[in-house]
Protein backbone atom coordinates (compact mmCIF):
# COMPACT_ATOMS: atom_id res chain seq x y z
CA UNK A 1 -59.72 5.25 27.93
CA UNK A 2 -63.11 4.21 29.14
CA UNK A 3 -66.65 4.88 28.01
CA UNK A 4 -69.32 6.22 30.30
CA UNK A 5 -71.29 3.86 32.52
CA UNK A 6 -74.59 2.69 31.07
CA UNK A 7 -77.78 4.10 32.48
CA UNK A 8 -80.39 1.82 33.98
CA UNK A 9 -82.57 2.26 30.91
CA UNK A 10 -79.75 1.23 28.62
CA UNK A 11 -79.08 -1.81 30.80
CA UNK A 12 -82.72 -2.86 30.51
CA UNK A 13 -82.54 -2.47 26.73
CA UNK A 14 -79.43 -4.60 26.48
CA UNK A 15 -80.94 -7.23 28.76
CA UNK A 16 -84.06 -7.34 26.60
CA UNK A 17 -81.94 -7.74 23.48
CA UNK A 18 -80.01 -10.57 25.11
CA UNK A 19 -83.22 -12.34 26.17
CA UNK A 20 -84.66 -11.99 22.68
CA UNK A 21 -81.50 -13.56 21.25
CA UNK A 22 -81.45 -16.45 23.71
CA UNK A 23 -85.12 -17.27 23.17
CA UNK A 24 -85.54 -16.48 19.52
CA UNK A 25 -82.50 -17.78 17.64
CA UNK A 26 -81.57 -21.08 16.17
CA UNK A 27 -78.69 -23.19 17.38
CA UNK A 28 -75.70 -23.91 15.19
CA UNK A 29 -73.53 -25.67 17.71
CA UNK A 30 -73.03 -28.96 15.87
CA UNK A 31 -69.85 -27.88 14.08
CA UNK A 32 -71.60 -27.02 10.82
CA UNK A 33 -71.92 -23.66 9.08
CA UNK A 34 -75.05 -22.27 7.48
CA UNK A 35 -75.23 -20.34 4.21
CA UNK A 36 -75.87 -16.64 4.66
CA UNK A 37 -78.79 -16.77 2.25
CA UNK A 38 -80.42 -20.17 2.80
CA UNK A 39 -80.84 -22.86 5.44
CA UNK A 40 -78.37 -25.17 3.74
CA UNK A 41 -75.69 -26.50 6.13
CA UNK A 42 -72.01 -27.13 5.33
CA UNK A 43 -69.21 -28.91 7.16
CA UNK A 44 -67.15 -25.73 7.61
CA UNK A 45 -67.33 -21.95 7.40
CA UNK A 46 -65.04 -22.03 4.37
CA UNK A 47 -67.42 -24.38 2.55
CA UNK A 48 -70.39 -22.14 3.32
CA UNK A 49 -68.52 -19.09 2.05
CA UNK A 50 -67.53 -20.92 -1.16
CA UNK A 51 -71.17 -21.99 -1.69
CA UNK A 52 -72.47 -18.44 -1.29
CA UNK A 53 -69.86 -17.14 -3.72
CA UNK A 54 -70.92 -19.65 -6.39
CA UNK A 55 -74.67 -19.70 -5.81
CA UNK A 56 -75.37 -16.11 -4.84
CA UNK A 57 -72.38 -14.23 -6.25
CA UNK A 58 -71.35 -12.96 -2.81
CA UNK A 59 -67.99 -13.85 -1.27
CA UNK A 60 -67.95 -12.32 2.22
CA UNK A 61 -64.15 -12.60 2.57
CA UNK A 62 -63.61 -10.62 -0.64
CA UNK A 63 -66.26 -8.13 0.48
CA UNK A 64 -64.55 -7.56 3.85
CA UNK A 65 -61.23 -7.05 2.05
CA UNK A 66 -62.66 -4.61 -0.52
CA UNK A 67 -64.54 -2.50 2.03
CA UNK A 68 -61.81 -2.55 4.70
CA UNK A 69 -64.18 -3.79 7.42
CA UNK A 70 -62.58 -4.51 10.77
CA UNK A 71 -63.44 -7.48 13.01
CA UNK A 72 -66.55 -5.79 14.45
CA UNK A 73 -67.66 -4.60 11.02
CA UNK A 74 -67.52 -8.15 9.71
CA UNK A 75 -69.53 -9.42 12.70
CA UNK A 76 -72.19 -6.75 12.14
CA UNK A 77 -72.36 -7.58 8.43
CA UNK A 78 -72.95 -11.31 9.08
CA UNK A 79 -75.70 -10.61 11.62
CA UNK A 80 -77.31 -8.02 9.34
CA UNK A 81 -77.43 -10.45 6.42
CA UNK A 82 -78.90 -13.20 8.58
CA UNK A 83 -81.53 -10.92 10.15
CA UNK A 84 -82.60 -9.62 6.73
CA UNK A 85 -82.91 -13.14 5.30
CA UNK A 86 -84.86 -14.31 8.36
CA UNK A 87 -87.24 -11.37 7.87
CA UNK A 88 -87.83 -12.44 4.26
CA UNK A 89 -85.97 -9.50 2.74
CA UNK A 90 -83.31 -9.59 0.00
CA UNK A 91 -80.18 -7.86 1.40
CA UNK A 92 -77.69 -8.35 -1.44
CA UNK A 93 -78.62 -5.25 -3.43
CA UNK A 94 -78.19 -2.93 -0.44
CA UNK A 95 -74.93 -4.61 0.58
CA UNK A 96 -73.38 -4.35 -2.87
CA UNK A 97 -74.44 -0.70 -3.17
CA UNK A 98 -72.88 0.04 0.23
CA UNK A 99 -69.51 -1.28 -0.96
CA UNK A 100 -69.02 1.76 -3.20
CA UNK A 101 -70.83 4.33 -1.05
CA UNK A 102 -69.61 6.67 1.66
CA UNK A 103 -73.09 6.84 3.19
CA UNK A 104 -74.03 5.15 6.46
CA UNK A 105 -74.00 1.41 5.92
CA UNK A 106 -77.18 -0.45 6.92
CA UNK A 107 -75.34 -2.77 9.34
CA UNK A 108 -73.47 -0.05 11.27
CA UNK A 109 -75.91 -0.15 14.19
CA UNK A 110 -74.37 -1.77 17.29
CA UNK A 111 -77.47 -3.95 17.65
CA UNK A 112 -75.93 -6.13 14.93
CA UNK A 113 -73.15 -7.11 17.36
CA UNK A 114 -75.74 -9.45 18.94
CA UNK A 115 -75.64 -12.79 17.09
CA UNK A 116 -78.67 -13.60 14.97
CA UNK A 117 -77.71 -17.28 15.00
CA UNK A 118 -76.24 -18.74 18.16
CA UNK A 119 -72.76 -20.25 17.75
CA UNK A 120 -72.65 -18.92 14.20
CA UNK A 121 -69.54 -20.39 12.55
CA UNK A 122 -69.21 -17.32 10.32
CA UNK A 123 -68.74 -15.16 13.45
CA UNK A 124 -65.84 -17.25 14.73
CA UNK A 125 -63.49 -17.13 11.74
CA UNK A 126 -60.58 -14.71 11.36
CA UNK A 127 -61.43 -12.78 8.19
CA UNK A 128 -58.13 -10.91 8.12
CA UNK A 129 -56.19 -14.17 8.26
CA UNK A 130 -58.31 -15.57 5.41
CA UNK A 131 -57.66 -12.44 3.34
CA UNK A 132 -53.91 -12.74 3.90
CA UNK A 133 -54.03 -16.44 3.04
CA UNK A 134 -55.81 -15.75 -0.22
CA UNK A 135 -53.32 -13.03 -1.11
CA UNK A 136 -50.35 -15.34 -0.51
CA UNK A 137 -51.63 -18.49 -2.26
CA UNK A 138 -53.01 -19.28 -5.71
CA UNK A 139 -56.36 -20.86 -4.87
CA UNK A 140 -58.27 -20.12 -8.03
CA UNK A 141 -59.25 -16.62 -6.99
CA UNK A 142 -56.53 -14.83 -8.93
CA UNK A 143 -58.95 -12.66 -10.86
CA UNK A 144 -60.66 -11.51 -7.67
CA UNK A 145 -57.40 -10.70 -5.96
CA UNK A 146 -56.13 -8.87 -9.05
CA UNK A 147 -59.33 -6.85 -8.95
CA UNK A 148 -58.68 -6.04 -5.29
CA UNK A 149 -55.08 -5.04 -6.07
CA UNK A 150 -56.29 -2.83 -8.89
CA UNK A 151 -58.75 -1.16 -6.54
CA UNK A 152 -56.00 -0.59 -3.96
CA UNK A 153 -53.76 0.94 -6.59
CA UNK A 154 -56.58 3.24 -7.68
CA UNK A 155 -57.09 4.26 -4.04
CA UNK A 156 -53.35 4.90 -3.73
CA UNK A 157 -53.45 7.24 -6.71
CA UNK A 158 -56.51 8.99 -5.30
CA UNK A 159 -54.77 9.32 -1.94
CA UNK A 160 -51.76 10.97 -3.57
CA UNK A 161 -54.02 13.50 -5.25
CA UNK A 162 -55.80 14.20 -1.98
CA UNK A 163 -52.50 14.71 -0.15
CA UNK A 164 -51.39 17.15 -2.84
CA UNK A 165 -54.67 19.02 -2.54
CA UNK A 166 -54.22 19.10 1.25
CA UNK A 167 -50.85 20.79 0.90
CA UNK A 168 -52.50 23.48 -1.20
CA UNK A 169 -55.32 23.83 1.32
CA UNK A 170 -52.80 24.10 4.16
CA UNK A 171 -51.02 26.90 2.35
CA UNK A 172 -54.19 28.84 1.57
CA UNK A 173 -56.40 28.22 4.61
CA UNK A 174 -54.75 26.61 7.63
CA UNK A 175 -51.57 28.69 7.61
CA UNK A 176 -53.34 32.09 7.69
CA UNK A 177 -55.45 30.89 10.66
CA UNK A 178 -52.39 29.84 12.68
CA UNK A 179 -50.47 32.89 11.51
CA UNK A 180 -53.14 35.14 13.07
CA UNK A 181 -52.60 33.37 16.39
CA UNK A 182 -48.84 33.74 16.53
CA UNK A 183 -48.85 37.25 15.07
CA UNK A 184 -50.92 38.41 18.06
CA UNK A 185 -48.28 37.13 20.50
CA UNK A 186 -45.15 37.58 18.41
CA UNK A 187 -43.99 33.96 18.79
CA UNK A 188 -43.15 32.47 15.42
CA UNK A 189 -40.88 29.43 14.97
CA UNK A 190 -40.59 29.62 11.23
CA UNK A 191 -41.58 32.12 8.55
CA UNK A 192 -44.62 31.66 6.34
CA UNK A 193 -42.28 31.65 3.35
CA UNK A 194 -40.21 28.71 4.61
CA UNK A 195 -43.32 26.71 5.52
CA UNK A 196 -44.92 27.36 2.15
CA UNK A 197 -41.70 26.40 0.38
CA UNK A 198 -41.60 23.14 2.33
CA UNK A 199 -45.28 22.52 1.60
CA UNK A 200 -44.91 23.28 -2.09
CA UNK A 201 -41.80 21.13 -2.33
CA UNK A 202 -43.63 18.24 -0.71
CA UNK A 203 -46.62 18.77 -2.98
CA UNK A 204 -44.37 18.70 -6.04
CA UNK A 205 -42.78 15.48 -4.83
CA UNK A 206 -46.18 13.90 -4.25
CA UNK A 207 -47.37 15.03 -7.66
CA UNK A 208 -44.35 13.49 -9.34
CA UNK A 209 -44.79 10.33 -7.31
CA UNK A 210 -48.47 9.95 -8.22
CA UNK A 211 -47.72 10.59 -11.90
CA UNK A 212 -45.09 7.88 -12.27
CA UNK A 213 -45.07 5.10 -9.72
CA UNK A 214 -42.01 2.91 -10.07
CA UNK A 215 -42.11 -0.79 -10.76
CA UNK A 216 -40.60 -1.29 -7.33
CA UNK A 217 -43.70 0.24 -5.71
CA UNK A 218 -45.96 -2.18 -7.59
CA UNK A 219 -43.85 -5.20 -6.67
CA UNK A 220 -45.52 -6.89 -3.70
CA UNK A 221 -42.14 -8.21 -2.51
CA UNK A 222 -40.42 -4.81 -2.52
CA UNK A 223 -39.66 -2.78 0.64
CA UNK A 224 -41.52 0.19 -0.85
CA UNK A 225 -44.70 -1.84 -1.29
CA UNK A 226 -44.40 -3.11 2.31
CA UNK A 227 -43.87 0.44 3.58
CA UNK A 228 -46.92 1.76 1.75
CA UNK A 229 -49.06 -1.15 2.91
CA UNK A 230 -47.97 -0.56 6.52
CA UNK A 231 -48.68 3.18 6.29
CA UNK A 232 -52.13 2.53 4.85
CA UNK A 233 -52.94 0.06 7.64
CA UNK A 234 -51.70 2.53 10.25
CA UNK A 235 -53.83 5.21 8.65
CA UNK A 236 -56.92 3.06 9.02
CA UNK A 237 -56.07 2.42 12.67
CA UNK A 238 -55.58 6.17 13.25
CA UNK A 239 -58.93 6.91 11.61
CA UNK A 240 -60.62 4.30 13.80
CA UNK A 241 -58.82 5.68 16.88
CA UNK A 242 -59.96 9.25 16.26
CA UNK A 243 -63.47 8.05 15.41
CA UNK A 244 -63.63 6.21 18.75
CA UNK A 245 -63.62 9.63 20.43
CA UNK A 246 -66.54 10.85 18.31
CA UNK A 247 -69.24 9.92 20.81
CA UNK A 248 -70.34 11.80 23.89
CA UNK A 249 -70.30 8.80 26.26
CA UNK A 250 -66.51 8.52 26.42
CA UNK A 251 -66.13 12.26 26.95
CA UNK A 252 -68.76 12.23 29.67
CA UNK A 253 -66.81 9.46 31.41
CA UNK A 254 -63.58 11.48 31.27
CA UNK A 255 -65.18 14.76 32.32
CA UNK A 256 -67.03 13.02 35.16
CA UNK A 257 -63.72 11.63 36.40
CA UNK A 258 -63.04 14.33 38.99
CA UNK A 259 -59.62 12.93 39.94
CA UNK A 260 -58.49 13.40 36.36
CA UNK A 261 -60.23 16.66 35.50
CA UNK A 262 -59.62 18.45 38.81
CA UNK A 263 -55.90 17.65 38.56
CA UNK A 264 -55.65 19.54 35.27
CA UNK A 265 -57.87 22.35 36.53
CA UNK A 266 -55.72 22.87 39.63
CA UNK A 267 -52.46 22.67 37.69
CA UNK A 268 -53.61 25.38 35.26
CA UNK A 269 -55.69 27.68 37.46
CA UNK A 270 -53.67 27.50 40.67
CA UNK A 271 -50.41 28.18 38.80
CA UNK A 272 -51.72 31.16 36.82
CA UNK A 273 -48.27 32.69 36.32
CA UNK A 274 -47.41 29.62 34.27
CA UNK A 275 -50.00 30.35 31.57
CA UNK A 276 -50.98 34.00 32.00
CA UNK A 277 -50.18 35.91 28.83
CA UNK A 278 -48.68 32.79 27.22
CA UNK A 279 -49.37 30.70 24.11
CA UNK A 280 -50.73 27.28 25.12
CA UNK A 281 -51.05 24.20 22.90
CA UNK A 282 -53.62 21.54 23.87
CA UNK A 283 -52.69 18.22 22.21
CA UNK A 284 -55.76 15.99 21.68
CA UNK A 285 -58.21 18.54 23.05
CA UNK A 286 -61.38 16.40 22.94
CA UNK A 287 -64.26 18.60 24.12
CA UNK A 288 -61.78 21.39 24.93
CA UNK A 289 -62.00 21.37 28.71
CA UNK A 290 -58.24 21.77 29.26
CA UNK A 291 -58.15 24.62 26.75
CA UNK A 292 -61.02 26.31 28.58
CA UNK A 293 -59.13 25.99 31.87
CA UNK A 294 -56.11 27.65 30.21
CA UNK A 295 -58.29 30.45 28.85
CA UNK A 296 -59.78 31.05 32.29
CA UNK A 297 -56.25 31.13 33.76
CA UNK A 298 -55.37 34.07 31.50
CA UNK A 299 -53.58 32.53 28.50
CA UNK A 300 -53.05 34.99 25.64
CA UNK A 301 -53.76 32.33 23.04
CA UNK A 302 -54.80 28.69 23.25
CA UNK A 303 -54.41 26.41 20.24
CA UNK A 304 -56.48 23.25 20.58
CA UNK A 305 -55.86 20.35 18.19
CA UNK A 306 -57.76 17.10 17.72
CA UNK A 307 -57.97 14.42 15.04
CA UNK A 308 -61.69 13.84 15.59
CA UNK A 309 -63.83 16.21 13.51
CA UNK A 310 -66.69 15.70 15.96
CA UNK A 311 -64.54 16.76 18.90
CA UNK A 312 -63.23 19.78 16.99
CA UNK A 313 -66.76 20.92 16.21
CA UNK A 314 -67.83 20.52 19.84
CA UNK A 315 -64.73 22.34 21.10
CA UNK A 316 -65.34 25.27 18.79
CA UNK A 317 -68.96 25.57 19.92
CA UNK A 318 -68.01 25.28 23.60
CA UNK A 319 -65.33 27.96 23.21
CA UNK A 320 -67.76 30.29 21.44
CA UNK A 321 -70.50 29.77 24.06
CA UNK A 322 -68.06 30.66 26.82
CA UNK A 323 -66.74 33.78 25.07
CA UNK A 324 -63.28 32.50 24.16
CA UNK A 325 -63.72 32.13 20.41
CA UNK A 326 -64.97 34.40 17.65
CA UNK A 327 -64.20 35.84 14.26
CA UNK A 328 -61.47 38.18 15.52
CA UNK A 329 -57.82 37.05 15.03
CA UNK A 330 -57.24 38.12 18.64
CA UNK A 331 -59.81 35.65 19.99
CA UNK A 332 -58.28 33.65 22.83
CA UNK A 333 -58.96 30.13 21.54
CA UNK A 334 -58.48 28.51 18.15
CA UNK A 335 -59.36 24.88 17.40
CA UNK A 336 -57.60 23.05 14.54
CA UNK A 337 -58.64 19.74 13.02
CA UNK A 338 -56.19 17.05 11.92
CA UNK A 339 -53.13 15.10 13.01
CA UNK A 340 -50.76 17.39 14.87
CA UNK A 341 -47.81 16.25 12.77
CA UNK A 342 -49.51 17.62 9.61
CA UNK A 343 -50.12 21.16 10.90
CA UNK A 344 -47.81 24.18 10.37
CA UNK A 345 -44.92 24.69 12.81
CA UNK A 346 -44.94 27.41 15.44
CA UNK A 347 -43.52 27.94 18.89
CA UNK A 348 -45.62 27.79 22.08
CA UNK A 349 -44.89 28.50 25.73
CA UNK A 350 -46.87 25.65 27.28
CA UNK A 351 -48.04 22.26 26.03
CA UNK A 352 -50.86 20.51 27.87
CA UNK A 353 -52.24 17.10 27.05
CA UNK A 354 -54.23 14.29 28.65
CA UNK A 355 -52.44 11.57 26.71
CA UNK A 356 -52.52 8.70 29.20
CA UNK A 357 -54.14 5.41 28.16
CA UNK A 358 -54.62 2.05 29.86
CA UNK A 359 -51.32 0.91 31.33
CA UNK A 360 -50.20 4.52 30.81
CA UNK A 361 -48.79 3.89 27.34
CA UNK A 362 -51.64 2.26 25.40
CA UNK A 363 -52.81 4.33 22.38
CA UNK A 364 -49.29 5.70 21.75
CA UNK A 365 -50.48 9.30 22.06
CA UNK A 366 -47.37 10.11 24.06
CA UNK A 367 -45.41 9.92 20.81
CA UNK A 368 -47.32 12.93 19.48
CA UNK A 369 -46.80 14.90 22.71
CA UNK A 370 -43.04 14.30 22.63
CA UNK A 371 -42.95 15.20 18.93
CA UNK A 372 -44.72 18.50 19.73
CA UNK A 373 -42.30 19.12 22.60
CA UNK A 374 -39.29 18.77 20.33
CA UNK A 375 -40.82 20.69 17.43
CA UNK A 376 -42.91 23.45 18.97
CA UNK A 377 -42.04 24.07 22.64
CA UNK A 378 -39.94 27.18 23.25
CA UNK A 379 -36.66 26.86 25.16
CA UNK A 380 -37.65 27.16 28.80
CA UNK A 381 -41.26 26.24 27.99
CA UNK A 382 -43.43 23.95 30.10
CA UNK A 383 -44.94 20.54 29.41
CA UNK A 384 -47.94 19.50 31.55
CA UNK A 385 -47.83 16.96 33.08
CA UNK A 386 -44.04 16.70 33.16
CA UNK A 387 -43.51 13.37 34.95
CA UNK A 388 -45.09 9.91 34.82
CA UNK A 389 -44.58 6.73 36.84
CA UNK A 390 -45.72 3.10 36.57
CA UNK A 391 -46.47 0.92 39.60
CA UNK A 392 -46.99 -2.82 40.10
CA UNK A 393 -48.54 -4.90 42.90
CA UNK A 394 -50.05 -8.34 43.46
CA UNK A 395 -53.80 -8.70 43.84
CA UNK A 396 -56.23 -11.29 45.16
CA UNK A 397 -59.07 -12.80 43.16
CA UNK A 398 -61.21 -9.83 44.31
CA UNK A 399 -58.90 -7.51 42.40
CA UNK A 400 -59.61 -9.35 39.15
CA UNK A 401 -63.39 -9.07 39.39
CA UNK A 402 -63.69 -12.85 38.94
CA UNK A 403 -65.02 -13.32 42.48
CA UNK A 404 -68.32 -11.73 41.36
CA UNK A 405 -69.28 -14.99 39.67
CA UNK A 406 -68.93 -17.13 42.81
CA UNK A 407 -72.19 -15.85 44.28
CA UNK A 408 -74.72 -14.38 41.86
CA UNK A 409 -77.98 -13.95 43.79
CA UNK A 410 -77.12 -17.09 45.71
CA UNK A 411 -76.04 -19.16 42.69
CA UNK A 412 -72.54 -20.45 41.96
CA UNK A 413 -71.68 -19.23 38.46
CA UNK A 414 -67.93 -19.68 38.77
CA UNK A 415 -67.97 -21.47 35.41
CA UNK A 416 -68.25 -17.99 33.88
CA UNK A 417 -65.13 -16.91 35.77
CA UNK A 418 -63.31 -20.00 34.50
CA UNK A 419 -64.32 -19.11 30.94
CA UNK A 420 -63.23 -15.50 31.39
CA UNK A 421 -59.90 -16.61 32.81
CA UNK A 422 -59.35 -18.92 29.86
CA UNK A 423 -60.30 -16.33 27.25
CA UNK A 424 -58.37 -13.55 29.01
CA UNK A 425 -55.06 -15.35 28.66
CA UNK A 426 -52.80 -13.04 26.70
CA UNK A 427 -55.08 -10.05 27.24
CA UNK A 428 -54.85 -7.17 29.70
CA UNK A 429 -58.05 -6.78 31.72
CA UNK A 430 -59.24 -3.41 33.04
CA UNK A 431 -60.74 -3.42 36.53
CA UNK A 432 -61.35 -1.11 39.47
CA UNK A 433 -59.35 -3.02 42.06
CA UNK A 434 -60.12 -2.11 45.67
CA UNK A 435 -57.49 -1.30 48.25
CA UNK A 436 -58.15 -4.45 50.28
CA UNK A 437 -57.51 -6.63 47.21
CA UNK A 438 -53.85 -5.57 47.04
CA UNK A 439 -51.89 -8.33 48.80
CA UNK A 440 -48.29 -7.17 48.22
CA UNK A 441 -46.45 -3.94 48.67
CA UNK A 442 -46.38 -1.86 45.50
CA UNK A 443 -43.19 -1.01 43.64
CA UNK A 444 -42.42 1.68 41.09
CA UNK A 445 -41.22 -0.09 37.96
CA UNK A 446 -40.63 2.94 35.72
CA UNK A 447 -40.22 6.69 36.01
CA UNK A 448 -40.43 9.02 33.00
CA UNK A 449 -39.23 12.62 32.81
CA UNK A 450 -41.37 13.88 29.95
CA UNK A 451 -39.13 16.90 29.40
CA UNK A 452 -36.05 14.81 28.64
CA UNK A 453 -37.19 11.33 27.58
CA UNK A 454 -37.14 10.15 23.99
CA UNK A 455 -39.86 8.26 22.14
CA UNK A 456 -37.78 5.08 22.33
CA UNK A 457 -37.88 5.21 26.16
CA UNK A 458 -41.48 3.98 26.16
CA UNK A 459 -40.07 0.50 25.48
CA UNK A 460 -38.34 -0.91 28.54
CA UNK A 461 -37.52 -3.97 30.62
CA UNK A 462 -37.16 -3.87 34.40
CA UNK A 463 -36.93 -6.31 37.34
CA UNK A 464 -39.27 -6.27 40.32
CA UNK A 465 -39.65 -7.93 43.75
CA UNK A 466 -42.99 -7.66 45.51
CA UNK A 467 -43.02 -8.40 49.27
CA UNK A 468 -46.29 -10.15 50.15
CA UNK A 469 -48.29 -8.75 53.05
CA UNK A 470 -48.56 -11.32 55.86
CA UNK A 471 -51.97 -11.87 57.39
CA UNK A 472 -50.53 -13.58 60.48
CA UNK A 473 -47.12 -14.42 61.88
CA UNK A 474 -45.95 -17.82 60.72
CA UNK A 475 -42.79 -19.64 59.90
CA UNK A 476 -44.59 -21.91 57.43
CA UNK A 477 -44.16 -20.80 53.83
CA UNK A 478 -47.83 -21.42 52.92
CA UNK A 479 -49.44 -19.99 56.05
CA UNK A 480 -50.22 -16.38 56.81
CA UNK A 481 -50.10 -15.67 53.08
CA UNK A 482 -52.86 -14.76 50.64
CA UNK A 483 -53.10 -16.23 47.15
CA UNK A 484 -51.94 -13.89 44.40
CA UNK A 485 -54.15 -14.25 41.31
CA UNK A 486 -52.86 -11.33 39.22
CA UNK A 487 -50.57 -8.35 39.04
CA UNK A 488 -52.15 -4.90 38.96
CA UNK A 489 -50.52 -2.13 36.94
CA UNK A 490 -51.32 1.57 37.42
CA UNK A 491 -49.76 4.98 36.91
CA UNK A 492 -49.25 8.45 38.37
CA UNK A 493 -48.57 11.64 36.47
CA UNK A 494 -47.20 14.76 38.14
CA UNK A 495 -47.43 18.47 37.49
CA UNK A 496 -44.26 18.95 39.48
CA UNK A 497 -42.80 22.04 41.15
CA UNK A 498 -40.46 22.37 38.17
CA UNK A 499 -43.31 24.26 36.43
CA UNK A 500 -46.15 24.32 38.96
CA UNK A 501 -44.23 25.94 41.79
CA UNK A 502 -47.32 27.58 43.34
CA UNK A 503 -49.33 24.35 43.48
CA UNK A 504 -47.76 21.02 42.43
CA UNK A 505 -50.38 18.42 41.55
CA UNK A 506 -50.30 14.62 41.56
CA UNK A 507 -52.80 12.58 39.51
CA UNK A 508 -52.82 8.94 40.63
CA UNK A 509 -54.78 5.92 39.42
CA UNK A 510 -53.75 3.86 42.46
CA UNK A 511 -56.34 1.43 43.85
CA UNK A 512 -55.53 2.91 47.28
CA UNK A 513 -57.24 6.19 46.37
CA UNK A 514 -60.42 7.41 44.69
CA UNK A 515 -61.19 5.47 41.50
CA UNK A 516 -60.63 6.93 38.03
CA UNK A 517 -62.04 5.96 34.62
CA UNK A 518 -58.71 4.25 33.85
CA UNK A 519 -58.96 1.76 36.71
CA UNK A 520 -56.01 -0.63 36.82
CA UNK A 521 -54.55 -2.94 34.17
CA UNK A 522 -54.80 -6.53 35.41
CA UNK A 523 -52.33 -9.22 34.31
CA UNK A 524 -53.86 -12.58 35.20
CA UNK A 525 -51.35 -15.18 36.37
CA UNK A 526 -51.53 -18.70 34.93
CA UNK A 527 -52.23 -20.11 38.38
CA UNK A 528 -52.61 -18.49 41.81
CA UNK A 529 -49.43 -18.51 43.90
CA UNK A 530 -48.49 -18.10 47.56
CA UNK A 531 -45.05 -16.83 48.57
CA UNK A 532 -43.22 -14.31 50.74
CA UNK A 533 -42.06 -12.52 47.62
CA UNK A 534 -43.16 -12.46 44.02
CA UNK A 535 -40.20 -11.64 41.82
CA UNK A 536 -39.82 -11.23 38.14
CA UNK A 537 -39.13 -9.13 35.09
CA UNK A 538 -41.61 -7.08 33.05
CA UNK A 539 -41.19 -5.59 29.57
CA UNK A 540 -43.41 -3.16 27.67
CA UNK A 541 -42.94 -2.72 23.93
CA UNK A 542 -44.93 -1.38 21.00
CA UNK A 543 -47.17 -3.93 19.35
CA UNK A 544 -47.03 -4.81 15.69
CA UNK A 545 -50.61 -3.54 15.75
CA UNK A 546 -50.47 0.25 15.34
CA UNK A 547 -51.13 2.05 18.66
CA UNK A 548 -51.11 -1.28 20.48
CA UNK A 549 -48.94 -2.36 23.40
CA UNK A 550 -47.37 -5.74 24.28
CA UNK A 551 -46.39 -6.68 27.84
CA UNK A 552 -44.15 -9.66 28.57
CA UNK A 553 -43.87 -11.02 32.10
CA UNK A 554 -41.59 -13.48 33.84
CA UNK A 555 -42.40 -14.25 37.47
CA UNK A 556 -41.69 -16.74 40.22
CA UNK A 557 -42.51 -17.19 43.92
CA UNK A 558 -39.78 -16.90 46.55
CA UNK A 559 -39.40 -17.92 50.18
CA UNK A 560 -36.43 -17.66 52.49
CA UNK A 561 -33.61 -19.42 50.65
CA UNK A 562 -35.99 -20.95 48.12
CA UNK A 563 -37.11 -19.97 44.61
CA UNK A 564 -40.15 -21.47 42.93
CA UNK A 565 -40.91 -22.39 39.32
CA UNK A 566 -40.61 -19.55 36.80
CA UNK A 567 -43.61 -18.79 34.57
CA UNK A 568 -43.76 -16.57 31.48
CA UNK A 569 -46.70 -14.79 29.88
CA UNK A 570 -47.30 -12.25 27.13
CA UNK A 571 -50.23 -9.82 27.18
CA UNK A 572 -51.59 -7.41 24.59
CA UNK A 573 -53.66 -4.28 25.00
């Protein structure tokens, strides 16, 4: 989902920062790499890193591995170190202390995303690839990697203890809170005794596991080691995902999106019989706006859940300020913090969620909604929205946003568009395409019934054929046709008459209607094409990157009795 638009003041600040960088930094565009702590130049980034490790006792690749920094964290760290050295300060002490601290790190500020040194070779390397390479080869750093492995094993043991403590906390604190909710409405899916038994059994298993890890778990080639490594990586992605919703800008963007927010408001408040006197679960509540709509519509209880502690705190305060939350067990709204899958099980009458991401399925939040449907929704209960559809159409250059660079205050800056096109290969772009940029008819490529679909249904392959819209009558295959530069992907979700019989609601992100914060997902073609039809096959599958999405595309132009060259492309989002 999108962040809020920058204010004019913020734009001026960013422009000033950019100007300062352009005017005040040194060039390093001759293929060499500079030491982080001196002006000494080296023939490669690897040589500079090796020098710093030997001369200054700081190996940035090892540091990124030990601290778990992501790509942006590594970029910020490099720019922080360079800015501190340029200012005549010694940054190593603070950096080494930050490695073992949970406090705010000195390079966390987004200003450190702006390069201190132009064309800095240390900003262009893939740190994660270097870490993997070091782990898989014996390059003289065995002691360092053994130290890293030992630290990971210690963190594993600590994690086991924390999970065991969480089970105890769930039994003593979280369960009574949820129990108060369901006791007030009389809807209980499982007894406290059975949940506590399951929790205690799991805690005992975790305790035994942490006390005696098998040799198989320590073997880097074993399936168990691979499973644990994958789970830990997914956990870091989840933490980053939830943290990304811990800022007000993204919530302001979503709340300001009237197409989105009014759709949920109308579905809940104009179908009051659906929620009145019922137990409602809000999956991924954010600031709690959907839960507040449900409270206003007369729900007996609303349980709001979010993985972001910031969002949970805001939701609780918003509910209290609007009179829906208090100390009484009969208070209408309760807000729980954590991953939904880790909370106690109970039945609800209605599940609401705004789970849609770019391309509908990016972020994989739908998995959690379907899990909640199968685990917690009563027979005959309602899921809102209950249907979703994906659409595809061809778009002109205007639909890609690249036309902007053809005339910038009277200057031709199309070289920027060429660079964007080159760098965007393999990536899904997000744009607000206008209606007049759509140059084919649109087709529905997928339809999901959220009440019956399974999690595996989010991966699919389907064929399409897009009739191009003629601009003039012509028998010539290349006349009367507009160039297609990209395919635009968008979605609808429906609060259908199955549950919203009083007032069915459609939420669309089509470029033919009012814009939303999602915009459209743009798949740039390798080269523009002209044809009477654009045909092909599109697949969407889960990425190897947790919560990511991969899109594969085959396409070709067609005329009457003639088929053009087939192209293939793979995109990630």
